Amino acid sequence: MGMTAEERKAKHYLRQLLNSQGYPTYARILDKFDVNYTNNPNVVAYMEPNKGRIVLNRGVDARQASVLTRHEILHE
């Protein structure tokens, strides 16, 4: 599917955030994933197994995105 410019920017920010929060391993693992947004109010986050894709709801804040990303990475 790929990422939009906005999603690439968000992924870069999220990697920096994970590093600053003391999660450098998660930041490195996130390199292997595309990060996509959804506006679906019924979706908070999910990942697609073996496809390297994490989808986050556009409405989550940075702290929530960090927790959700770490959670979704653990599914893989």
C-alpha atoms as a PDB file:
ATOM      1  CA  MET A   1       0.000   0.000   0.000  1.00  0.00           C
ATOM      2  CA  GLY A   2       2.811   2.448   0.785  1.00  0.00           C
ATOM      3  CA  MET A   3       2.653   5.660   2.762  1.00  0.00           C
ATOM      4  CA  THR A   4       1.672   9.214   1.991  1.00  0.00           C
ATOM      5  CA  ALA A   5       4.082  12.070   2.698  1.00  0.00           C
ATOM      6  CA  GLU A   6       2.065  12.844   5.837  1.00  0.00           C
ATOM      7  CA  GLU A   7       2.348   9.228   7.015  1.00  0.00           C
ATOM      8  CA  ARG A   8       6.112   9.146   6.348  1.00  0.00           C
ATOM      9  CA  LYS A   9       6.474  12.311   8.432  1.00  0.00           C
ATOM     10  CA  ALA A  10       4.368  10.776  11.228  1.00  0.00           C
ATOM     11  CA  LYS A  11       6.456   7.588  11.168  1.00  0.00           C
ATOM     12  CA  HIS A  12       9.652   9.630  11.436  1.00  0.00           C
ATOM     13  CA  TYR A  13       8.217  11.566  14.389  1.00  0.00           C
ATOM     14  CA  LEU A  14       7.022   8.332  16.005  1.00  0.00           C
ATOM     15  CA  ARG A  15      10.497   6.793  15.687  1.00  0.00           C
ATOM     16  CA  GLN A  16      11.999   9.866  17.371  1.00  0.00           C
ATOM     17  CA  LEU A  17       9.364   9.692  20.099  1.00  0.00           C
ATOM     18  CA  LEU A  18      10.002   6.005  20.770  1.00  0.00           C
ATOM     19  CA  ASN A  19      13.738   6.678  21.046  1.00  0.00           C
ATOM     20  CA  SER A  20      13.201   9.600  23.425  1.00  0.00           C
ATOM     21  CA  GLN A  21      10.878   7.488  25.585  1.00  0.00           C
ATOM     22  CA  GLY A  22      13.549   4.805  25.980  1.00  0.00           C
ATOM     23  CA  TYR A  23      12.272   2.352  23.368  1.00  0.00           C
ATOM     24  CA  PRO A  24      15.066   2.250  20.779  1.00  0.00           C
ATOM     25  CA  THR A  25      14.356  -1.382  19.883  1.00  0.00           C
ATOM     26  CA  TYR A  26      10.766  -0.530  18.968  1.00  0.00           C
ATOM     27  CA  ALA A  27      12.006   2.439  16.934  1.00  0.00           C
ATOM     28  CA  ARG A  28      14.335   0.132  14.956  1.00  0.00           C
ATOM     29  CA  ILE A  29      11.609  -2.458  14.423  1.00  0.00           C
ATOM     30  CA  LEU A  30       9.230   0.261  13.236  1.00  0.00           C
ATOM     31  CA  ASP A  31      11.616   0.805  10.285  1.00  0.00           C
ATOM     32  CA  LYS A  32      10.250  -2.442   8.849  1.00  0.00           C
ATOM     33  CA  PHE A  33       6.630  -1.249   8.919  1.00  0.00           C
ATOM     34  CA  ASP A  34       4.540   1.125   6.880  1.00  0.00           C
ATOM     35  CA  VAL A  35       2.410   3.370   9.073  1.00  0.00           C
ATOM     36  CA  ASN A  36      -0.986   4.303   7.681  1.00  0.00           C
ATOM     37  CA  TYR A  37      -3.875   6.367   9.012  1.00  0.00           C
ATOM     38  CA  THR A  38      -7.553   5.616   9.132  1.00  0.00           C
ATOM     39  CA  ASN A  39     -10.481   7.903   9.868  1.00  0.00           C
ATOM     40  CA  ASN A  40     -12.740   4.971  10.740  1.00  0.00           C
ATOM     41  CA  PRO A  41     -14.239   5.785  14.171  1.00  0.00           C
ATOM     42  CA  ASN A  42     -14.481   2.046  14.939  1.00  0.00           C
ATOM     43  CA  VAL A  43     -10.733   1.474  14.552  1.00  0.00           C
ATOM     44  CA  VAL A  44      -8.108   2.545  17.064  1.00  0.00           C
ATOM     45  CA  ALA A  45      -5.185   0.585  15.614  1.00  0.00           C
ATOM     46  CA  TYR A  46      -4.324  -2.700  13.994  1.00  0.00           C
ATOM     47  CA  MET A  47      -1.510  -4.398  12.160  1.00  0.00           C
ATOM     48  CA  GLU A  48      -1.552  -6.751   9.221  1.00  0.00           C
ATOM     49  CA  PRO A  49       0.461  -9.889  10.048  1.00  0.00           C
ATOM     50  CA  ASN A  50       3.347 -10.595   7.680  1.00  0.00           C
ATOM     51  CA  LYS A  51       2.599  -7.446   5.644  1.00  0.00           C
ATOM     52  CA  GLY A  52       4.615  -4.886   7.575  1.00  0.00           C
ATOM     53  CA  ARG A  53       1.735  -2.470   8.044  1.00  0.00           C
ATOM     54  CA  ILE A  54       0.419  -0.701  11.133  1.00  0.00           C
ATOM     55  CA  VAL A  55      -2.752   1.359  10.883  1.00  0.00           C
ATOM     56  CA  LEU A  56      -3.499   4.057  13.452  1.00  0.00           C
ATOM     57  CA  ASN A  57      -6.591   6.173  13.860  1.00  0.00           C
ATOM     58  CA  ARG A  58      -5.821   9.714  12.809  1.00  0.00           C
ATOM     59  CA  GLY A  59      -7.346  11.022  16.050  1.00  0.00           C
ATOM     60  CA  VAL A  60      -4.881   9.439  18.492  1.00  0.00           C
ATOM     61  CA  ASP A  61      -2.349  11.705  20.178  1.00  0.00           C
ATOM     62  CA  ALA A  62       1.414  11.085  20.289  1.00  0.00           C
ATOM     63  CA  ARG A  63       1.372   9.273  23.640  1.00  0.00           C
ATOM     64  CA  GLN A  64      -1.419   6.986  22.478  1.00  0.00           C
ATOM     65  CA  ALA A  65       0.335   6.383  19.148  1.00  0.00           C
ATOM     66  CA  SER A  66       3.474   5.294  21.008  1.00  0.00           C
ATOM     67  CA  VAL A  67       1.596   2.784  23.161  1.00  0.00           C
ATOM     68  CA  LEU A  68      -0.484   1.496  20.245  1.00  0.00           C
ATOM     69  CA  THR A  69       2.541   1.110  17.992  1.00  0.00           C
ATOM     70  CA  ARG A  70       4.442  -0.883  20.615  1.00  0.00           C
ATOM     71  CA  HIS A  71       1.364  -3.052  21.152  1.00  0.00           C
ATOM     72  CA  GLU A  72       0.899  -3.705  17.442  1.00  0.00           C
ATOM     73  CA  ILE A  73       4.587  -4.498  16.905  1.00  0.00           C
ATOM     74  CA  LEU A  74       4.296  -7.205  19.572  1.00  0.00           C
ATOM     75  CA  HIS A  75       1.634  -8.944  17.480  1.00  0.00           C
ATOM     76  CA  GLU A  76       4.198  -9.485  14.748  1.00  0.00           C
END
